[in-house]
Amino acid sequence: MEHPKRVGDRSTLAIMLALQESGYAVYIPFGENTRADLIIERESQLASVQCKTGRLRGGTVTFKVCSSYAHHPHPRVAKRDYAGEVDYFAVYCTETGRVYLIPIGDLPLGWQAHLRVD
C-alpha cells in the first residue's frame, strides 16, 4: 500500500499544474501544519486552497472535507472542518485524471463530499 503522504503529494502536484495551466499564480504557504495547502491568485485576488485526493465511487468523486485527529492518542476533537480557514477545495481524482476547484461555501462540511461526474 502506498504511503498517504505520497498520495497527497502527487495530488497536490497535479492540482498545482492544473491551476497554473488555468491561469492562476500558485503560491505555497510556509510550514507543515498550515490549514491551506496553496494560495492562488488571479486578477490580484488571493484565495486559500485545501488540496484533497478524490476517489471515484458510484459515479461520484468522493473526498474528505475535514481533518481527522482520531489517530492521535488524546485528541481535543476527533475532526475539524475548514470553515473560515480556506476559500476552496481543490480535488484531484486519479481515476478521472481531472482536478476540481470547489468553493467551500458550495460544500457540506460534515465528513465527506461527493461530486457527481456521471
PDB file of N, CA and C in Angstrom:
ATOM      1  N   MET A   1       0.842  -1.189   0.000  1.00  0.00           N
ATOM      2  CA  MET A   1       0.000   0.000   0.000  1.00  0.00           C
ATOM      3  C   MET A   1       0.880   1.241   0.000  1.00  0.00           C
ATOM      4  N   GLU A   2       0.498   2.201  -0.791  1.00  0.00           N
ATOM      5  CA  GLU A   2       1.264   3.437  -0.907  1.00  0.00           C
ATOM      6  C   GLU A   2       1.031   4.329   0.313  1.00  0.00           C
ATOM      7  N   HIS A   3       2.091   4.988   0.770  1.00  0.00           N
ATOM      8  CA  HIS A   3       2.002   5.871   1.930  1.00  0.00           C
ATOM      9  C   HIS A   3       1.076   7.049   1.612  1.00  0.00           C
ATOM     10  N   PRO A   4       0.176   7.408   2.546  1.00  0.00           N
ATOM     11  CA  PRO A   4      -0.776   8.501   2.310  1.00  0.00           C
ATOM     12  C   PRO A   4      -0.119   9.838   1.977  1.00  0.00           C
ATOM     13  N   LYS A   5       1.044  10.123   2.544  1.00  0.00           N
ATOM     14  CA  LYS A   5       1.735  11.390   2.243  1.00  0.00           C
ATOM     15  C   LYS A   5       2.140  11.442   0.767  1.00  0.00           C
ATOM     16  N   ARG A   6       2.576  10.297   0.243  1.00  0.00           N
ATOM     17  CA  ARG A   6       2.967  10.228  -1.172  1.00  0.00           C
ATOM     18  C   ARG A   6       1.751  10.458  -2.079  1.00  0.00           C
ATOM     19  N   VAL A   7       0.629   9.860  -1.720  1.00  0.00           N
ATOM     20  CA  VAL A   7      -0.609  10.054  -2.476  1.00  0.00           C
ATOM     21  C   VAL A   7      -0.999  11.533  -2.455  1.00  0.00           C
ATOM     22  N   GLY A   8      -0.966  12.144  -1.270  1.00  0.00           N
ATOM     23  CA  GLY A   8      -1.308  13.558  -1.130  1.00  0.00           C
ATOM     24  C   GLY A   8      -0.362  14.467  -1.895  1.00  0.00           C
ATOM     25  N   ASP A   9       0.932  14.160  -1.872  1.00  0.00           N
ATOM     26  CA  ASP A   9       1.910  14.965  -2.616  1.00  0.00           C
ATOM     27  C   ASP A   9       1.632  14.905  -4.117  1.00  0.00           C
ATOM     28  N   ARG A  10       1.313  13.725  -4.622  1.00  0.00           N
ATOM     29  CA  ARG A  10       1.025  13.576  -6.051  1.00  0.00           C
ATOM     30  C   ARG A  10      -0.235  14.375  -6.420  1.00  0.00           C
ATOM     31  N   SER A  11      -1.255  14.331  -5.557  1.00  0.00           N
ATOM     32  CA  SER A  11      -2.471  15.105  -5.814  1.00  0.00           C
ATOM     33  C   SER A  11      -2.173  16.599  -5.810  1.00  0.00           C
ATOM     34  N   THR A  12      -1.391  17.053  -4.842  1.00  0.00           N
ATOM     35  CA  THR A  12      -1.051  18.477  -4.767  1.00  0.00           C
ATOM     36  C   THR A  12      -0.294  18.926  -6.008  1.00  0.00           C
ATOM     37  N   LEU A  13       0.624  18.117  -6.498  1.00  0.00           N
ATOM     38  CA  LEU A  13       1.355  18.460  -7.725  1.00  0.00           C
ATOM     39  C   LEU A  13       0.420  18.541  -8.928  1.00  0.00           C
ATOM     40  N   ALA A  14      -0.494  17.589  -9.051  1.00  0.00           N
ATOM     41  CA  ALA A  14      -1.456  17.613 -10.156  1.00  0.00           C
ATOM     42  C   ALA A  14      -2.344  18.852 -10.069  1.00  0.00           C
ATOM     43  N   ILE A  15      -2.751  19.202  -8.855  1.00  0.00           N
ATOM     44  CA  ILE A  15      -3.582  20.390  -8.637  1.00  0.00           C
ATOM     45  C   ILE A  15      -2.814  21.657  -8.999  1.00  0.00           C
ATOM     46  N   MET A  16      -1.565  21.747  -8.556  1.00  0.00           N
ATOM     47  CA  MET A  16      -0.753  22.929  -8.866  1.00  0.00           C
ATOM     48  C   MET A  16      -0.606  23.105 -10.372  1.00  0.00           C
ATOM     49  N   LEU A  17      -0.342  22.030 -11.085  1.00  0.00           N
ATOM     50  CA  LEU A  17      -0.181  22.098 -12.536  1.00  0.00           C
ATOM     51  C   LEU A  17      -1.480  22.543 -13.201  1.00  0.00           C
ATOM     52  N   ALA A  18      -2.605  21.953 -12.803  1.00  0.00           N
ATOM     53  CA  ALA A  18      -3.893  22.307 -13.395  1.00  0.00           C
ATOM     54  C   ALA A  18      -4.245  23.773 -13.129  1.00  0.00           C
ATOM     55  N   LEU A  19      -4.005  24.241 -11.906  1.00  0.00           N
ATOM     56  CA  LEU A  19      -4.293  25.636 -11.581  1.00  0.00           C
ATOM     57  C   LEU A  19      -3.421  26.589 -12.386  1.00  0.00           C
ATOM     58  N   GLN A  20      -2.140  26.260 -12.484  1.00  0.00           N
ATOM     59  CA  GLN A  20      -1.212  27.098 -13.250  1.00  0.00           C
ATOM     60  C   GLN A  20      -1.620  27.134 -14.723  1.00  0.00           C
ATOM     61  N   GLU A  21      -2.006  25.991 -15.271  1.00  0.00           N
ATOM     62  CA  GLU A  21      -2.432  25.935 -16.676  1.00  0.00           C
ATOM     63  C   GLU A  21      -3.754  26.662 -16.899  1.00  0.00           C
ATOM     64  N   SER A  22      -4.544  26.850 -15.843  1.00  0.00           N
ATOM     65  CA  SER A  22      -5.814  27.567 -15.932  1.00  0.00           C
ATOM     66  C   SER A  22      -5.661  29.063 -15.707  1.00  0.00           C
ATOM     67  N   GLY A  23      -4.430  29.530 -15.535  1.00  0.00           N
ATOM     68  CA  GLY A  23      -4.186  30.960 -15.421  1.00  0.00           C
ATOM     69  C   GLY A  23      -4.011  31.498 -14.019  1.00  0.00           C
ATOM     70  N   TYR A  24      -3.972  30.636 -13.032  1.00  0.00           N
ATOM     71  CA  TYR A  24      -3.732  31.082 -11.654  1.00  0.00           C
ATOM     72  C   TYR A  24      -2.237  31.142 -11.376  1.00  0.00           C
ATOM     73  N   ALA A  25      -1.828  32.128 -10.593  1.00  0.00           N
ATOM     74  CA  ALA A  25      -0.499  32.097  -9.978  1.00  0.00           C
ATOM     75  C   ALA A  25      -0.672  31.237  -8.725  1.00  0.00           C
ATOM     76  N   VAL A  26       0.298  30.371  -8.451  1.00  0.00           N
ATOM     77  CA  VAL A  26       0.183  29.431  -7.341  1.00  0.00           C
ATOM     78  C   VAL A  26       1.319  29.674  -6.358  1.00  0.00           C
ATOM     79  N   TYR A  27       0.979  29.820  -5.078  1.00  0.00           N
ATOM     80  CA  TYR A  27       1.955  30.040  -4.013  1.00  0.00           C
ATOM     81  C   TYR A  27       1.814  28.933  -2.976  1.00  0.00           C
ATOM     82  N   ILE A  28       2.927  28.570  -2.355  1.00  0.00           N
ATOM     83  CA  ILE A  28       2.934  27.524  -1.341  1.00  0.00           C
ATOM     84  C   ILE A  28       3.188  28.163   0.024  1.00  0.00           C
ATOM     85  N   PRO A  29       2.247  28.010   0.965  1.00  0.00           N
ATOM     86  CA  PRO A  29       2.460  28.552   2.313  1.00  0.00           C
ATOM     87  C   PRO A  29       3.643  27.862   2.995  1.00  0.00           C
ATOM     88  N   PHE A  30       4.309  28.570   3.864  1.00  0.00           N
ATOM     89  CA  PHE A  30       5.453  28.016   4.594  1.00  0.00           C
ATOM     90  C   PHE A  30       4.977  27.210   5.792  1.00  0.00           C
ATOM     91  N   GLY A  31       5.585  26.069   6.004  1.00  0.00           N
ATOM     92  CA  GLY A  31       5.302  25.258   7.186  1.00  0.00           C
ATOM     93  C   GLY A  31       4.437  24.056   6.875  1.00  0.00           C
ATOM     94  N   GLU A  32       4.541  23.062   7.699  1.00  0.00           N
ATOM     95  CA  GLU A  32       3.833  21.788   7.501  1.00  0.00           C
ATOM     96  C   GLU A  32       2.397  21.815   7.991  1.00  0.00           C
ATOM     97  N   ASN A  33       2.108  22.541   9.040  1.00  0.00           N
ATOM     98  CA  ASN A  33       0.788  22.452   9.662  1.00  0.00           C
ATOM     99  C   ASN A  33      -0.094  23.669   9.404  1.00  0.00           C
ATOM    100  N   THR A  34      -0.093  24.154   8.174  1.00  0.00           N
ATOM    101  CA  THR A  34      -0.997  25.243   7.808  1.00  0.00           C
ATOM    102  C   THR A  34      -2.306  24.642   7.320  1.00  0.00           C
ATOM    103  N   ARG A  35      -3.408  25.325   7.512  1.00  0.00           N
ATOM    104  CA  ARG A  35      -4.714  24.817   7.073  1.00  0.00           C
ATOM    105  C   ARG A  35      -4.850  24.881   5.557  1.00  0.00           C
ATOM    106  N   ALA A  36      -4.224  25.858   4.926  1.00  0.00           N
ATOM    107  CA  ALA A  36      -4.255  25.963   3.468  1.00  0.00           C
ATOM    108  C   ALA A  36      -3.005  25.302   2.887  1.00  0.00           C
ATOM    109  N   ASP A  37      -3.208  24.512   1.844  1.00  0.00           N
ATOM    110  CA  ASP A  37      -2.081  23.882   1.157  1.00  0.00           C
ATOM    111  C   ASP A  37      -1.476  24.800   0.103  1.00  0.00           C
ATOM    112  N   LEU A  38      -2.337  25.636  -0.499  1.00  0.00           N
ATOM    113  CA  LEU A  38      -1.893  26.543  -1.558  1.00  0.00           C
ATOM    114  C   LEU A  38      -2.607  27.882  -1.417  1.00  0.00           C
ATOM    115  N   ILE A  39      -1.992  28.898  -1.999  1.00  0.00           N
ATOM    116  CA  ILE A  39      -2.641  30.196  -2.189  1.00  0.00           C
ATOM    117  C   ILE A  39      -2.644  30.423  -3.694  1.00  0.00           C
ATOM    118  N   ILE A  40      -3.793  30.817  -4.221  1.00  0.00           N
ATOM    119  CA  ILE A  40      -3.872  31.092  -5.650  1.00  0.00           C
ATOM    120  C   ILE A  40      -4.212  32.562  -5.861  1.00  0.00           C
ATOM    121  N   GLU A  41      -3.782  33.075  -7.011  1.00  0.00           N
ATOM    122  CA  GLU A  41      -4.037  34.475  -7.349  1.00  0.00           C
ATOM    123  C   GLU A  41      -4.472  34.570  -8.799  1.00  0.00           C
ATOM    124  N   ARG A  42      -5.514  35.354  -9.012  1.00  0.00           N
ATOM    125  CA  ARG A  42      -5.959  35.688 -10.360  1.00  0.00           C
ATOM    126  C   ARG A  42      -6.517  37.093 -10.298  1.00  0.00           C
ATOM    127  N   GLU A  43      -6.064  37.946 -11.213  1.00  0.00           N
ATOM    128  CA  GLU A  43      -6.506  39.341 -11.264  1.00  0.00           C
ATOM    129  C   GLU A  43      -6.382  40.027  -9.908  1.00  0.00           C
ATOM    130  N   SER A  44      -5.252  39.857  -9.250  1.00  0.00           N
ATOM    131  CA  SER A  44      -4.924  40.470  -7.957  1.00  0.00           C
ATOM    132  C   SER A  44      -5.792  39.983  -6.800  1.00  0.00           C
ATOM    133  N   GLN A  45      -6.562  38.927  -6.991  1.00  0.00           N
ATOM    134  CA  GLN A  45      -7.382  38.359  -5.928  1.00  0.00           C
ATOM    135  C   GLN A  45      -6.718  37.091  -5.402  1.00  0.00           C
ATOM    136  N   LEU A  46      -6.477  37.042  -4.086  1.00  0.00           N
ATOM    137  CA  LEU A  46      -5.875  35.865  -3.458  1.00  0.00           C
ATOM    138  C   LEU A  46      -6.952  34.989  -2.829  1.00  0.00           C
ATOM    139  N   ALA A  47      -6.725  33.677  -2.868  1.00  0.00           N
ATOM    140  CA  ALA A  47      -7.650  32.732  -2.235  1.00  0.00           C
ATOM    141  C   ALA A  47      -6.846  31.559  -1.695  1.00  0.00           C
ATOM    142  N   SER A  48      -7.297  31.002  -0.575  1.00  0.00           N
ATOM    143  CA  SER A  48      -6.624  29.856   0.033  1.00  0.00           C
ATOM    144  C   SER A  48      -7.293  28.558  -0.420  1.00  0.00           C
ATOM    145  N   VAL A  49      -6.461  27.517  -0.575  1.00  0.00           N
ATOM    146  CA  VAL A  49      -6.927  26.252  -1.138  1.00  0.00           C
ATOM    147  C   VAL A  49      -6.468  25.088  -0.271  1.00  0.00           C
ATOM    148  N   GLN A  50      -7.380  24.177   0.004  1.00  0.00           N
ATOM    149  CA  GLN A  50      -7.060  22.919   0.664  1.00  0.00           C
ATOM    150  C   GLN A  50      -7.105  21.832  -0.411  1.00  0.00           C
ATOM    151  N   CYS A  51      -6.013  21.096  -0.580  1.00  0.00           N
ATOM    152  CA  CYS A  51      -5.919  20.045  -1.592  1.00  0.00           C
ATOM    153  C   CYS A  51      -6.374  18.709  -1.021  1.00  0.00           C
ATOM    154  N   LYS A  52      -7.125  17.976  -1.823  1.00  0.00           N
ATOM    155  CA  LYS A  52      -7.622  16.668  -1.423  1.00  0.00           C
ATOM    156  C   LYS A  52      -7.495  15.682  -2.574  1.00  0.00           C
ATOM    157  N   THR A  53      -7.387  14.408  -2.213  1.00  0.00           N
ATOM    158  CA  THR A  53      -7.404  13.335  -3.192  1.00  0.00           C
ATOM    159  C   THR A  53      -8.807  12.754  -3.222  1.00  0.00           C
ATOM    160  N   GLY A  54      -9.392  12.718  -4.408  1.00  0.00           N
ATOM    161  CA  GLY A  54     -10.726  12.161  -4.561  1.00  0.00           C
ATOM    162  C   GLY A  54     -10.661  10.725  -5.058  1.00  0.00           C
ATOM    163  N   ARG A  55     -11.691   9.971  -4.771  1.00  0.00           N
ATOM    164  CA  ARG A  55     -11.826   8.582  -5.229  1.00  0.00           C
ATOM    165  C   ARG A  55     -13.132   8.464  -6.000  1.00  0.00           C
ATOM    166  N   LEU A  56     -13.090   7.798  -7.134  1.00  0.00           N
ATOM    167  CA  LEU A  56     -14.290   7.591  -7.940  1.00  0.00           C
ATOM    168  C   LEU A  56     -15.090   6.431  -7.349  1.00  0.00           C
ATOM    169  N   ARG A  57     -16.300   6.723  -6.895  1.00  0.00           N
ATOM    170  CA  ARG A  57     -17.161   5.720  -6.275  1.00  0.00           C
ATOM    171  C   ARG A  57     -18.596   5.920  -6.772  1.00  0.00           C
ATOM    172  N   GLY A  58     -19.122   4.943  -7.475  1.00  0.00           N
ATOM    173  CA  GLY A  58     -20.515   5.003  -7.902  1.00  0.00           C
ATOM    174  C   GLY A  58     -20.886   6.234  -8.700  1.00  0.00           C
ATOM    175  N   GLY A  59     -20.030   6.660  -9.607  1.00  0.00           N
ATOM    176  CA  GLY A  59     -20.317   7.829 -10.437  1.00  0.00           C
ATOM    177  C   GLY A  59     -20.067   9.158  -9.774  1.00  0.00           C
ATOM    178  N   THR A  60     -19.457   9.155  -8.587  1.00  0.00           N
ATOM    179  CA  THR A  60     -19.123  10.407  -7.902  1.00  0.00           C
ATOM    180  C   THR A  60     -17.662  10.409  -7.490  1.00  0.00           C
ATOM    181  N   VAL A  61     -17.078  11.588  -7.447  1.00  0.00           N
ATOM    182  CA  VAL A  61     -15.752  11.760  -6.861  1.00  0.00           C
ATOM    183  C   VAL A  61     -15.989  12.112  -5.398  1.00  0.00           C
ATOM    184  N   THR A  62     -15.514  11.248  -4.515  1.00  0.00           N
ATOM    185  CA  THR A  62     -15.716  11.404  -3.074  1.00  0.00           C
ATOM    186  C   THR A  62     -14.420  11.866  -2.433  1.00  0.00           C
ATOM    187  N   PHE A  63     -14.517  12.832  -1.509  1.00  0.00           N
ATOM    188  CA  PHE A  63     -13.328  13.344  -0.824  1.00  0.00           C
ATOM    189  C   PHE A  63     -13.705  13.858   0.556  1.00  0.00           C
ATOM    190  N   LYS A  64     -12.719  13.894   1.434  1.00  0.00           N
ATOM    191  CA  LYS A  64     -12.918  14.361   2.808  1.00  0.00           C
ATOM    192  C   LYS A  64     -12.973  15.891   2.836  1.00  0.00           C
ATOM    193  N   VAL A  65     -13.840  16.426   3.682  1.00  0.00           N
ATOM    194  CA  VAL A  65     -13.948  17.876   3.835  1.00  0.00           C
ATOM    195  C   VAL A  65     -13.587  18.325   5.247  1.00  0.00           C
ATOM    196  N   CYS A  66     -12.874  17.455   5.970  1.00  0.00           N
ATOM    197  CA  CYS A  66     -12.406  17.809   7.300  1.00  0.00           C
ATOM    198  C   CYS A  66     -11.107  17.066   7.588  1.00  0.00           C
ATOM    199  N   SER A  67     -10.417  17.495   8.610  1.00  0.00           N
ATOM    200  CA  SER A  67      -9.229  16.796   9.080  1.00  0.00           C
ATOM    201  C   SER A  67      -9.638  15.876  10.213  1.00  0.00           C
ATOM    202  N   SER A  68      -9.044  14.698  10.255  1.00  0.00           N
ATOM    203  CA  SER A  68      -9.342  13.741  11.319  1.00  0.00           C
ATOM    204  C   SER A  68      -8.167  13.665  12.285  1.00  0.00           C
ATOM    205  N   TYR A  69      -8.496  13.688  13.560  1.00  0.00           N
ATOM    206  CA  TYR A  69      -7.469  13.570  14.591  1.00  0.00           C
ATOM    207  C   TYR A  69      -7.685  12.312  15.435  1.00  0.00           C
ATOM    208  N   ALA A  70      -8.539  11.422  14.956  1.00  0.00           N
ATOM    209  CA  ALA A  70      -8.888  10.210  15.702  1.00  0.00           C
ATOM    210  C   ALA A  70      -7.688   9.295  15.928  1.00  0.00           C
ATOM    211  N   HIS A  71      -6.667   9.405  15.079  1.00  0.00           N
ATOM    212  CA  HIS A  71      -5.484   8.554  15.218  1.00  0.00           C
ATOM    213  C   HIS A  71      -4.523   9.057  16.301  1.00  0.00           C
ATOM    214  N   HIS A  72      -4.745  10.262  16.812  1.00  0.00           N
ATOM    215  CA  HIS A  72      -3.911  10.790  17.886  1.00  0.00           C
ATOM    216  C   HIS A  72      -4.321  10.142  19.213  1.00  0.00           C
ATOM    217  N   PRO A  73      -3.389   9.992  20.152  1.00  0.00           N
ATOM    218  CA  PRO A  73      -3.716   9.323  21.417  1.00  0.00           C
ATOM    219  C   PRO A  73      -4.795  10.032  22.239  1.00  0.00           C
ATOM    220  N   HIS A  74      -4.742  11.357  22.331  1.00  0.00           N
ATOM    221  CA  HIS A  74      -5.704  12.102  23.145  1.00  0.00           C
ATOM    222  C   HIS A  74      -6.127  13.373  22.410  1.00  0.00           C
ATOM    223  N   PRO A  75      -6.880  13.225  21.324  1.00  0.00           N
ATOM    224  CA  PRO A  75      -7.252  14.431  20.570  1.00  0.00           C
ATOM    225  C   PRO A  75      -8.273  15.282  21.320  1.00  0.00           C
ATOM    226  N   ARG A  76      -8.154  16.596  21.182  1.00  0.00           N
ATOM    227  CA  ARG A  76      -9.142  17.506  21.773  1.00  0.00           C
ATOM    228  C   ARG A  76     -10.470  17.391  21.018  1.00  0.00           C
ATOM    229  N   VAL A  77     -10.374  17.204  19.692  1.00  0.00           N
ATOM    230  CA  VAL A  77     -11.547  16.979  18.847  1.00  0.00           C
ATOM    231  C   VAL A  77     -11.215  15.846  17.880  1.00  0.00           C
ATOM    232  N   ALA A  78     -12.220  15.078  17.472  1.00  0.00           N
ATOM    233  CA  ALA A  78     -11.991  13.955  16.551  1.00  0.00           C
ATOM    234  C   ALA A  78     -11.839  14.422  15.116  1.00  0.00           C
ATOM    235  N   LYS A  79     -12.546  15.513  14.761  1.00  0.00           N
ATOM    236  CA  LYS A  79     -12.428  16.059  13.413  1.00  0.00           C
ATOM    237  C   LYS A  79     -12.578  17.566  13.449  1.00  0.00           C
ATOM    238  N   ARG A  80     -12.070  18.212  12.414  1.00  0.00           N
ATOM    239  CA  ARG A  80     -12.105  19.666  12.342  1.00  0.00           C
ATOM    240  C   ARG A  80     -12.342  20.062  10.893  1.00  0.00           C
ATOM    241  N   ASP A  81     -13.374  20.874  10.648  1.00  0.00           N
ATOM    242  CA  ASP A  81     -13.636  21.289   9.270  1.00  0.00           C
ATOM    243  C   ASP A  81     -12.808  22.525   8.915  1.00  0.00           C
ATOM    244  N   TYR A  82     -12.979  23.012   7.710  1.00  0.00           N
ATOM    245  CA  TYR A  82     -12.173  24.119   7.198  1.00  0.00           C
ATOM    246  C   TYR A  82     -12.960  25.424   7.087  1.00  0.00           C
ATOM    247  N   ALA A  83     -14.140  25.483   7.671  1.00  0.00           N
ATOM    248  CA  ALA A  83     -14.970  26.687   7.603  1.00  0.00           C
ATOM    249  C   ALA A  83     -14.202  27.897   8.121  1.00  0.00           C
ATOM    250  N   GLY A  84     -14.185  28.961   7.330  1.00  0.00           N
ATOM    251  CA  GLY A  84     -13.499  30.182   7.714  1.00  0.00           C
ATOM    252  C   GLY A  84     -11.990  30.122   7.593  1.00  0.00           C
ATOM    253  N   GLU A  85     -11.453  28.989   7.132  1.00  0.00           N
ATOM    254  CA  GLU A  85      -9.993  28.846   7.053  1.00  0.00           C
ATOM    255  C   GLU A  85      -9.469  28.672   5.631  1.00  0.00           C
ATOM    256  N   VAL A  86     -10.305  28.228   4.708  1.00  0.00           N
ATOM    257  CA  VAL A  86      -9.920  28.156   3.300  1.00  0.00           C
ATOM    258  C   VAL A  86     -11.082  28.638   2.445  1.00  0.00           C
ATOM    259  N   ASP A  87     -10.762  29.034   1.237  1.00  0.00           N
ATOM    260  CA  ASP A  87     -11.777  29.515   0.300  1.00  0.00           C
ATOM    261  C   ASP A  87     -12.253  28.423  -0.655  1.00  0.00           C
ATOM    262  N   TYR A  88     -11.348  27.508  -0.987  1.00  0.00           N
ATOM    263  CA  TYR A  88     -11.653  26.456  -1.961  1.00  0.00           C
ATOM    264  C   TYR A  88     -11.094  25.112  -1.520  1.00  0.00           C
ATOM    265  N   PHE A  89     -11.731  24.064  -2.000  1.00  0.00           N
ATOM    266  CA  PHE A  89     -11.140  22.738  -2.018  1.00  0.00           C
ATOM    267  C   PHE A  89     -10.734  22.480  -3.461  1.00  0.00           C
ATOM    268  N   ALA A  90      -9.538  21.959  -3.655  1.00  0.00           N
ATOM    269  CA  ALA A  90      -9.100  21.500  -4.975  1.00  0.00           C
ATOM    270  C   ALA A  90      -8.931  19.994  -4.845  1.00  0.00           C
ATOM    271  N   VAL A  91      -9.607  19.257  -5.700  1.00  0.00           N
ATOM    272  CA  VAL A  91      -9.648  17.804  -5.593  1.00  0.00           C
ATOM    273  C   VAL A  91      -9.070  17.189  -6.864  1.00  0.00           C
ATOM    274  N   TYR A  92      -8.094  16.308  -6.686  1.00  0.00           N
ATOM    275  CA  TYR A  92      -7.548  15.550  -7.815  1.00  0.00           C
ATOM    276  C   TYR A  92      -8.026  14.116  -7.702  1.00  0.00           C
ATOM    277  N   CYS A  93      -8.565  13.597  -8.791  1.00  0.00           N
ATOM    278  CA  CYS A  93      -9.035  12.216  -8.838  1.00  0.00           C
ATOM    279  C   CYS A  93      -8.226  11.468  -9.898  1.00  0.00           C
ATOM    280  N   THR A  94      -7.471  10.464  -9.480  1.00  0.00           N
ATOM    281  CA  THR A  94      -6.638   9.714 -10.438  1.00  0.00           C
ATOM    282  C   THR A  94      -7.498   8.973 -11.454  1.00  0.00           C
ATOM    283  N   GLU A  95      -8.653   8.480 -11.033  1.00  0.00           N
ATOM    284  CA  GLU A  95      -9.495   7.701 -11.953  1.00  0.00           C
ATOM    285  C   GLU A  95     -10.064   8.549 -13.094  1.00  0.00           C
ATOM    286  N   THR A  96     -10.366   9.815 -12.831  1.00  0.00           N
ATOM    287  CA  THR A  96     -10.874  10.692 -13.894  1.00  0.00           C
ATOM    288  C   THR A  96      -9.742  11.490 -14.538  1.00  0.00           C
ATOM    289  N   GLY A  97      -8.612  11.605 -13.824  1.00  0.00           N
ATOM    290  CA  GLY A  97      -7.489  12.399 -14.326  1.00  0.00           C
ATOM    291  C   GLY A  97      -7.768  13.887 -14.319  1.00  0.00           C
ATOM    292  N   ARG A  98      -8.726  14.310 -13.512  1.00  0.00           N
ATOM    293  CA  ARG A  98      -9.139  15.714 -13.505  1.00  0.00           C
ATOM    294  C   ARG A  98      -8.962  16.341 -12.131  1.00  0.00           C
ATOM    295  N   VAL A  99      -8.919  17.681 -12.152  1.00  0.00           N
ATOM    296  CA  VAL A  99      -8.864  18.489 -10.936  1.00  0.00           C
ATOM    297  C   VAL A  99     -10.147  19.305 -10.872  1.00  0.00           C
ATOM    298  N   TYR A 100     -10.743  19.357  -9.702  1.00  0.00           N
ATOM    299  CA  TYR A 100     -11.988  20.080  -9.476  1.00  0.00           C
ATOM    300  C   TYR A 100     -11.733  21.148  -8.420  1.00  0.00           C
ATOM    301  N   LEU A 101     -12.091  22.409  -8.719  1.00  0.00           N
ATOM    302  CA  LEU A 101     -11.931  23.524  -7.782  1.00  0.00           C
ATOM    303  C   LEU A 101     -13.321  23.937  -7.323  1.00  0.00           C
ATOM    304  N   ILE A 102     -13.591  23.747  -6.029  1.00  0.00           N
ATOM    305  CA  ILE A 102     -14.929  23.953  -5.497  1.00  0.00           C
ATOM    306  C   ILE A 102     -14.890  24.987  -4.372  1.00  0.00           C
ATOM    307  N   PRO A 103     -15.700  26.044  -4.454  1.00  0.00           N
ATOM    308  CA  PRO A 103     -15.766  26.985  -3.336  1.00  0.00           C
ATOM    309  C   PRO A 103     -16.272  26.273  -2.080  1.00  0.00           C
ATOM    310  N   ILE A 104     -15.681  26.569  -0.954  1.00  0.00           N
ATOM    311  CA  ILE A 104     -16.044  25.886   0.293  1.00  0.00           C
ATOM    312  C   ILE A 104     -17.519  26.101   0.633  1.00  0.00           C
ATOM    313  N   GLY A 105     -18.077  27.247   0.269  1.00  0.00           N
ATOM    314  CA  GLY A 105     -19.479  27.525   0.546  1.00  0.00           C
ATOM    315  C   GLY A 105     -20.450  26.638  -0.216  1.00  0.00           C
ATOM    316  N   ASP A 106     -19.966  25.951  -1.247  1.00  0.00           N
ATOM    317  CA  ASP A 106     -20.814  25.068  -2.045  1.00  0.00           C
ATOM    318  C   ASP A 106     -20.829  23.632  -1.525  1.00  0.00           C
ATOM    319  N   LEU A 107     -20.132  23.385  -0.422  1.00  0.00           N
ATOM    320  CA  LEU A 107     -19.978  22.015   0.073  1.00  0.00           C
ATOM    321  C   LEU A 107     -20.565  21.833   1.467  1.00  0.00           C
ATOM    322  N   PRO A 108     -21.078  20.637   1.740  1.00  0.00           N
ATOM    323  CA  PRO A 108     -21.453  20.321   3.119  1.00  0.00           C
ATOM    324  C   PRO A 108     -20.184  20.083   3.921  1.00  0.00           C
ATOM    325  N   LEU A 109     -20.104  20.625   5.113  1.00  0.00           N
ATOM    326  CA  LEU A 109     -18.876  20.474   5.894  1.00  0.00           C
ATOM    327  C   LEU A 109     -19.048  19.431   6.986  1.00  0.00           C
ATOM    328  N   GLY A 110     -19.450  18.260   6.603  1.00  0.00           N
ATOM    329  CA  GLY A 110     -19.541  17.135   7.540  1.00  0.00           C
ATOM    330  C   GLY A 110     -18.250  16.345   7.480  1.00  0.00           C
ATOM    331  N   TRP A 111     -18.347  15.146   6.968  1.00  0.00           N
ATOM    332  CA  TRP A 111     -17.190  14.255   6.895  1.00  0.00           C
ATOM    333  C   TRP A 111     -16.617  14.203   5.487  1.00  0.00           C
ATOM    334  N   GLN A 112     -17.510  14.062   4.472  1.00  0.00           N
ATOM    335  CA  GLN A 112     -17.040  13.988   3.089  1.00  0.00           C
ATOM    336  C   GLN A 112     -18.051  14.599   2.152  1.00  0.00           C
ATOM    337  N   ALA A 113     -17.590  14.876   0.934  1.00  0.00           N
ATOM    338  CA  ALA A 113     -18.457  15.441  -0.102  1.00  0.00           C
ATOM    339  C   ALA A 113     -18.362  14.551  -1.332  1.00  0.00           C
ATOM    340  N   HIS A 114     -19.359  14.715  -2.207  1.00  0.00           N
ATOM    341  CA  HIS A 114     -19.437  13.906  -3.418  1.00  0.00           C
ATOM    342  C   HIS A 114     -19.722  14.826  -4.612  1.00  0.00           C
ATOM    343  N   LEU A 115     -18.938  14.684  -5.659  1.00  0.00           N
ATOM    344  CA  LEU A 115     -19.175  15.418  -6.913  1.00  0.00           C
ATOM    345  C   LEU A 115     -19.646  14.402  -7.950  1.00  0.00           C
ATOM    346  N   ARG A 116     -20.835  14.577  -8.460  1.00  0.00           N
ATOM    347  CA  ARG A 116     -21.343  13.658  -9.484  1.00  0.00           C
ATOM    348  C   ARG A 116     -20.610  13.926 -10.785  1.00  0.00           C
ATOM    349  N   VAL A 117     -20.041  12.881 -11.375  1.00  0.00           N
ATOM    350  CA  VAL A 117     -19.314  13.008 -12.639  1.00  0.00           C
ATOM    351  C   VAL A 117     -19.940  12.175 -13.739  1.00  0.00           C
ATOM    352  N   ASP A 118     -20.938  11.373 -13.434  1.00  0.00           N
ATOM    353  CA  ASP A 118     -21.668  10.607 -14.459  1.00  0.00           C
ATOM    354  C   ASP A 118     -22.730  11.467 -15.085  1.00  0.00           C
TER     355      ASP A 118
END
